[in-house]
Protein backbone atom coordinates (compact mmCIF):
# COMPACT_ATOMS: atom_id res chain seq x y z
CA MET A 1 -9.29 21.60 26.49
CA LYS A 2 -8.62 19.51 29.61
CA HIS A 3 -11.78 17.47 29.03
CA ALA A 4 -11.06 16.69 25.36
CA THR A 5 -10.61 12.99 24.55
CA LEU A 6 -8.23 11.13 22.27
CA ARG A 7 -11.23 9.86 20.32
CA GLN A 8 -12.35 13.43 19.64
CA LEU A 9 -8.86 14.40 18.48
CA LYS A 10 -8.69 11.40 16.13
CA VAL A 11 -12.08 12.20 14.62
CA PHE A 12 -11.10 15.86 14.24
CA GLU A 13 -7.81 14.89 12.57
CA ALA A 14 -9.59 12.64 10.07
CA VAL A 15 -12.08 15.36 9.10
CA ALA A 16 -9.26 17.91 8.82
CA ARG A 17 -7.14 15.57 6.69
CA LEU A 18 -9.98 14.61 4.33
CA LEU A 19 -11.89 17.92 4.55
CA SER A 20 -15.08 15.90 4.53
CA PHE A 21 -17.30 14.68 7.36
CA SER A 22 -18.72 11.87 5.23
CA ARG A 23 -15.33 10.60 4.05
CA ALA A 24 -13.98 10.78 7.61
CA ALA A 25 -16.97 8.77 8.80
CA GLU A 26 -16.27 6.13 6.14
CA ALA A 27 -12.56 5.99 7.00
CA LEU A 28 -13.28 5.65 10.72
CA HIS A 29 -16.18 3.22 10.25
CA LEU A 30 -18.53 5.61 12.01
CA THR A 31 -21.79 7.26 11.06
CA GLN A 32 -21.65 10.85 9.87
CA PRO A 33 -23.78 12.06 12.83
CA ALA A 34 -21.31 10.40 15.22
CA VAL A 35 -18.42 12.24 13.56
CA SER A 36 -20.28 15.54 13.72
CA THR A 37 -21.04 14.99 17.41
CA GLN A 38 -17.40 14.32 18.28
CA VAL A 39 -16.25 17.43 16.42
CA ARG A 40 -18.95 19.55 18.07
CA LYS A 41 -17.89 18.35 21.53
CA LEU A 42 -14.25 19.16 20.76
CA GLU A 43 -15.26 22.63 19.58
CA GLU A 44 -17.06 23.12 22.90
CA HIS A 45 -13.92 22.12 24.80
CA ALA A 46 -11.78 24.39 22.61
CA GLY A 47 -14.18 27.31 22.79
CA ASN A 48 -13.68 27.90 19.06
CA ARG A 49 -15.12 26.81 15.75
CA LEU A 50 -12.70 24.39 14.11
CA PHE A 51 -14.37 24.14 10.69
CA GLU A 52 -16.38 26.37 8.44
CA GLN A 53 -18.40 25.31 5.44
CA PHE A 54 -19.10 27.16 2.20
CA GLY A 55 -21.51 25.29 -0.02
CA LYS A 56 -20.42 21.66 0.06
CA LYS A 57 -16.77 22.42 0.86
CA VAL A 58 -15.31 22.19 4.36
CA TYR A 59 -12.41 24.37 5.48
CA LEU A 60 -10.32 24.61 8.64
CA THR A 61 -10.63 27.82 10.63
CA PRO A 62 -7.40 29.41 11.93
CA ALA A 63 -8.12 27.81 15.30
CA GLY A 64 -8.63 24.46 13.59
CA THR A 65 -5.35 24.77 11.71
CA GLU A 66 -3.51 25.42 14.96
CA LEU A 67 -5.20 22.55 16.78
CA LEU A 68 -4.54 20.12 13.91
CA GLN A 69 -0.77 20.22 14.41
CA ILE A 70 -1.13 19.75 18.15
CA SER A 71 -3.63 16.91 17.69
CA ARG A 72 -1.33 15.03 15.34
CA ALA A 73 1.53 15.32 17.81
CA ILE A 74 -0.67 13.96 20.61
CA ILE A 75 -1.98 11.10 18.45
CA GLN A 76 1.57 10.16 17.43
CA GLN A 77 2.65 10.09 21.07
CA PHE A 78 -0.18 7.73 21.94
CA GLU A 79 0.67 5.52 18.95
CA ALA A 80 4.32 5.48 20.01
CA ALA A 81 3.25 4.39 23.49
CA GLU A 82 1.01 1.69 22.04
CA SER A 83 3.81 0.48 19.76
CA ALA A 84 6.24 0.38 22.68
CA MET A 85 3.82 -1.67 24.78
CA THR A 86 3.04 -3.98 21.85
CA GLN A 87 6.66 -5.11 21.80
CA PHE A 88 6.12 -6.79 25.15
CA LYS A 89 3.20 -8.83 23.77
CA GLY A 90 5.28 -10.78 21.27
CA VAL A 91 3.80 -11.80 17.91
CA SER A 92 0.53 -13.29 19.15
CA GLY A 93 -1.63 -10.52 20.54
CA GLY A 94 0.23 -7.86 18.59
CA LYS A 95 -1.32 -5.45 16.10
CA LEU A 96 0.00 -5.31 12.53
CA ASN A 97 -0.48 -2.15 10.43
CA VAL A 98 0.25 -2.70 6.74
CA GLY A 99 -0.34 -0.44 3.74
CA VAL A 100 -0.22 -1.64 0.14
CA ILE A 101 -0.59 -0.07 -3.30
CA SER A 102 -3.79 -0.97 -5.12
CA ALA A 103 -2.27 -3.66 -7.36
CA GLY A 104 -1.46 -5.66 -4.25
CA ASP A 105 -5.01 -6.00 -3.01
CA TYR A 106 -5.53 -8.85 -5.51
CA PHE A 107 -3.39 -11.16 -3.40
CA PHE A 108 -2.44 -9.39 -0.20
CA PRO A 109 -5.52 -10.30 1.89
CA HIS A 110 -4.66 -13.97 1.27
CA LEU A 111 -1.15 -13.40 2.63
CA LEU A 112 -2.57 -11.76 5.74
CA VAL A 113 -4.96 -14.66 6.32
CA GLU A 114 -2.10 -17.15 5.96
CA PHE A 115 0.08 -15.16 8.38
CA ALA A 116 -2.76 -14.84 10.89
CA SER A 117 -3.40 -18.59 10.70
CA ARG A 118 0.19 -19.17 11.81
CA HIS A 119 0.03 -16.61 14.63
CA GLN A 120 -3.23 -16.77 16.54
CA GLY A 121 -4.42 -13.58 18.19
CA VAL A 122 -2.78 -11.13 15.76
CA ALA A 123 -4.88 -8.04 15.05
CA LEU A 124 -4.68 -6.85 11.43
CA ASN A 125 -5.07 -3.33 10.05
CA PHE A 126 -4.79 -3.42 6.24
CA THR A 127 -5.18 -0.33 4.04
CA VAL A 128 -4.97 0.10 0.25
CA HIS A 129 -3.63 3.30 -1.35
CA ASN A 130 -2.40 4.80 -4.55
CA ARG A 131 1.31 5.61 -4.55
CA ALA A 132 0.90 9.14 -3.20
CA GLY A 133 -1.32 7.98 -0.36
CA LEU A 134 1.05 5.21 0.68
CA LEU A 135 4.05 7.55 0.63
CA THR A 136 2.12 9.89 2.93
CA HIS A 137 1.43 7.03 5.34
CA ILE A 138 5.13 6.15 5.40
CA ALA A 139 6.20 9.76 5.90
CA GLU A 140 3.68 10.35 8.70
CA ASN A 141 4.43 7.03 10.42
CA LEU A 142 0.86 5.79 9.93
CA THR A 143 1.86 2.28 8.88
CA ASP A 144 4.37 -0.28 10.15
CA LEU A 145 5.16 -1.79 6.77
CA ALA A 146 4.42 -0.63 3.22
CA ILE A 147 4.16 -2.97 0.22
CA MET A 148 4.95 -1.28 -3.08
CA VAL A 149 6.82 -1.49 -6.36
CA ARG A 150 8.90 1.67 -6.16
CA PRO A 151 10.25 2.54 -2.73
CA PRO A 152 10.49 6.24 -1.88
CA THR A 153 13.66 8.06 -2.87
CA ASP A 154 13.26 11.05 -0.57
CA LEU A 155 12.73 9.19 2.73
CA ASP A 156 15.26 7.25 4.78
CA THR A 157 13.74 3.79 4.42
CA ILE A 158 14.79 0.16 4.38
CA ASN A 159 13.54 -1.44 1.15
CA GLN A 160 13.72 -5.19 0.61
CA PRO A 161 12.45 -6.97 -2.53
CA PHE A 162 10.51 -10.13 -1.72
CA ALA A 163 8.67 -11.25 -4.88
CA PRO A 164 8.68 -10.68 -8.65
CA HIS A 165 6.05 -8.36 -10.10
CA PRO A 166 5.46 -8.80 -13.85
CA TYR A 167 3.73 -6.20 -16.03
CA VAL A 168 2.05 -7.13 -19.32
CA ILE A 169 0.07 -5.70 -22.23
CA VAL A 170 -3.50 -7.02 -22.34
CA ALA A 171 -6.18 -6.87 -25.04
CA PRO A 172 -9.69 -8.27 -25.54
CA PRO A 173 -9.83 -11.83 -26.97
CA GLY A 174 -10.88 -10.70 -30.46
CA HIS A 175 -8.10 -8.15 -30.90
CA ALA A 176 -6.11 -8.38 -34.13
CA LEU A 177 -2.80 -8.75 -32.26
CA VAL A 178 -3.90 -11.74 -30.18
CA GLY A 179 -1.94 -14.82 -31.20
CA GLN A 180 0.83 -12.90 -32.98
CA ARG A 181 4.38 -13.60 -31.84
CA GLN A 182 7.04 -11.09 -30.80
CA ILE A 183 4.97 -8.03 -31.65
CA PRO A 184 7.29 -5.03 -32.13
CA ARG A 185 6.72 -2.26 -29.62
CA THR A 186 6.37 0.18 -32.49
CA ARG A 187 3.20 -1.69 -33.48
CA LEU A 188 1.63 -0.71 -30.17
CA MET A 189 1.92 2.97 -31.08
CA HIS A 190 -1.11 2.48 -33.34
CA GLU A 191 -3.29 1.16 -30.51
CA PRO A 192 -5.41 3.22 -28.10
CA PHE A 193 -4.25 2.69 -24.50
CA VAL A 194 -6.41 2.75 -21.40
CA VAL A 195 -4.03 3.46 -18.51
CA ARG A 196 -3.75 4.28 -14.81
CA GLU A 197 -3.32 7.89 -13.71
CA LYS A 198 0.11 9.53 -13.90
CA ALA A 199 0.67 9.52 -10.12
CA SER A 200 0.28 5.75 -9.87
CA ASP A 201 2.98 3.10 -9.53
CA THR A 202 1.62 1.49 -12.71
CA TRP A 203 2.21 4.68 -14.68
CA HIS A 204 5.80 4.90 -13.42
CA SER A 205 6.32 1.27 -14.39
CA MET A 206 4.97 2.06 -17.85
CA GLU A 207 7.50 4.90 -18.07
CA GLU A 208 10.22 2.38 -17.34
CA ALA A 209 8.88 -0.06 -19.94
CA PHE A 210 8.56 2.42 -22.82
CA GLY A 211 11.19 5.02 -21.92
CA GLY A 212 11.32 7.91 -24.32
CA ALA A 213 8.71 6.26 -26.55
CA LEU A 214 6.02 6.70 -23.90
CA GLY A 215 5.02 10.04 -25.38
CA GLU A 216 4.25 8.32 -28.68
CA LEU A 217 1.55 6.09 -27.18
CA ARG A 218 -2.06 6.92 -27.96
CA ILE A 219 -3.44 7.44 -24.47
CA ALA A 220 -7.17 7.18 -25.02
CA MET A 221 -8.15 7.35 -21.36
CA GLU A 222 -6.64 7.66 -17.86
CA ILE A 223 -8.60 5.84 -15.16
CA CYS A 224 -7.88 5.66 -11.41
CA SER A 225 -9.42 2.19 -11.04
CA THR A 226 -7.74 -0.99 -12.27
CA GLU A 227 -11.10 -2.77 -12.23
CA THR A 228 -12.56 -0.14 -14.56
CA ILE A 229 -9.56 -0.40 -16.84
CA LYS A 230 -10.06 -4.15 -17.16
CA GLN A 231 -13.71 -3.69 -18.04
CA ALA A 232 -12.82 -1.01 -20.58
CA VAL A 233 -10.34 -3.34 -22.31
CA ILE A 234 -12.79 -6.24 -22.26
CA ALA A 235 -15.35 -3.92 -23.89
CA GLY A 236 -12.90 -3.15 -26.70
CA MET A 237 -11.94 0.42 -25.78
CA GLY A 238 -8.23 -0.29 -26.20
CA VAL A 239 -5.28 -2.22 -24.82
CA SER A 240 -3.61 -1.64 -21.47
CA PHE A 241 -0.36 -1.93 -19.53
CA VAL A 242 -1.17 -3.62 -16.23
CA SER A 243 0.26 -5.65 -13.40
CA ALA A 244 -0.07 -9.33 -14.32
CA HIS A 245 -1.32 -9.98 -10.79
CA THR A 246 -4.37 -7.79 -11.37
CA VAL A 247 -5.55 -9.69 -14.47
CA SER A 248 -4.72 -13.26 -13.48
CA ARG A 249 -8.36 -14.26 -13.09
CA GLU A 250 -9.50 -12.65 -16.36
CA VAL A 251 -6.62 -14.21 -18.33
CA ARG A 252 -7.45 -17.66 -16.96
CA ALA A 253 -11.12 -17.12 -17.81
CA GLY A 254 -10.29 -15.97 -21.35
CA SER A 255 -11.91 -12.53 -21.09
CA LEU A 256 -8.49 -10.87 -21.46
CA ARG A 257 -5.45 -11.99 -23.44
CA VAL A 258 -1.79 -11.18 -22.81
CA LEU A 259 -0.09 -9.93 -25.96
CA ASP A 260 3.32 -11.36 -26.87
CA VAL A 261 5.18 -8.04 -27.16
CA GLN A 262 8.95 -7.77 -27.50
CA GLY A 263 10.53 -6.98 -24.14
CA PHE A 264 7.50 -8.09 -22.13
CA PRO A 265 6.68 -9.04 -19.52
CA LEU A 266 8.45 -6.23 -17.70
CA MET A 267 9.76 -7.89 -14.55
CA LEU A 268 9.92 -5.65 -11.48
CA HIS A 269 9.66 -6.53 -7.79
CA TRP A 270 7.43 -6.13 -4.79
CA TYR A 271 9.20 -4.40 -1.91
CA VAL A 272 8.49 -4.37 1.81
CA VAL A 273 9.36 -0.89 3.07
CA HIS A 274 9.63 0.80 6.46
CA ARG A 275 11.33 3.84 7.93
CA ARG A 276 14.92 3.10 8.90
CA SER A 277 14.40 4.69 12.29
CA LYS A 278 11.21 2.72 12.99
CA ARG A 279 11.52 0.12 15.71
CA LEU A 280 9.48 -2.79 14.39
CA ALA A 281 7.28 -4.56 16.89
CA PRO A 282 7.67 -8.37 16.97
CA VAL A 283 4.50 -8.88 14.92
CA ALA A 284 5.73 -6.49 12.19
CA GLN A 285 9.17 -8.12 12.11
CA ALA A 286 7.55 -11.56 11.94
CA PHE A 287 5.36 -10.49 9.02
CA LYS A 288 8.35 -9.02 7.20
CA ASP A 289 10.24 -12.30 7.68
CA PHE A 290 7.16 -14.18 6.46
CA LEU A 291 7.05 -12.12 3.24
CA LEU A 292 10.75 -12.61 2.55
CA ALA A 293 10.60 -16.36 3.14
CA ASP A 294 7.21 -17.40 1.78
CA GLY A 295 5.87 -14.43 -0.20
CA PRO A 296 7.02 -15.49 -3.70
CA ALA A 297 5.58 -19.02 -3.52
CA LEU A 298 2.28 -17.89 -1.99
CA ILE A 299 1.78 -15.08 -4.50
CA SER A 300 2.45 -17.42 -7.43
CA GLN A 301 -0.27 -19.73 -6.07
CA ILE A 302 -2.81 -16.96 -5.49
CA VAL A 303 -2.29 -15.07 -8.77
CA PRO A 304 -0.45 -17.44 -11.12
CA PHE A 305 1.30 -15.76 -14.03
CA ASP A 306 0.78 -17.55 -17.34
CA THR A 307 1.10 -15.57 -20.58
CA SER A 308 -0.15 -18.51 -22.64
CA ALA A 309 -3.66 -18.27 -21.19
């Protein structure tokens, strides 16, 4: 193993984590043959097969399972060294790793561009996840800062709210409830709902909004994509509970309408989250300060919230 490289270990770890050569290639921005080559070279150094394939499914061999834990420890040590050295670079020239739940990708790239324009030379690494994926990144120290609605309860993290996050009920323009005022929540029980999957932050927010009445909703369809949900509602397949930030453009264009339901919008908050024990590099601390100071105003400009549209 003395001739194995860090690049080979990182490629191996990605394949082992995703159990897919093609998905690892996509995540690493490599071609699938390049990924296969790196894994094959590592297997030659190890003197053992690290993966086995049955049909289309990829599995770790016992040797691969053993090497995976060691590889992750080595990768984390290198990342710790890189993070430690980054602190001496200051903000400009530093590398910022940020993860965000999917509802945030409607405005978050704009925040990153604004931050980068104020700090020349900053390198940005921006990833989008569902809730489970982002929690994994926090737990495994794969991100400096996480942007989410519900901070983890089983990790020792620092969680600071920095901007309001409204949730609304949307319907197609021709829906019978459009234009009605103060619609009772009980009226919604007659409507088919197109919703995000149960593991998502949006689903947990919907649980908060409806409480014990959630089980009375007519869930017509669960979809993992907010974009698909919007198209389903526009097509007349039902109404939906969504982040107002994700439908700002459609509401302004008139292809979706926000229903005036009693108790809505549900006002929650965006949080910036990081492990309490994590020593933030100057660029990460600067970005956190930027979110706390300027996040609310910038988000309201990028995805304005207007229920009258």
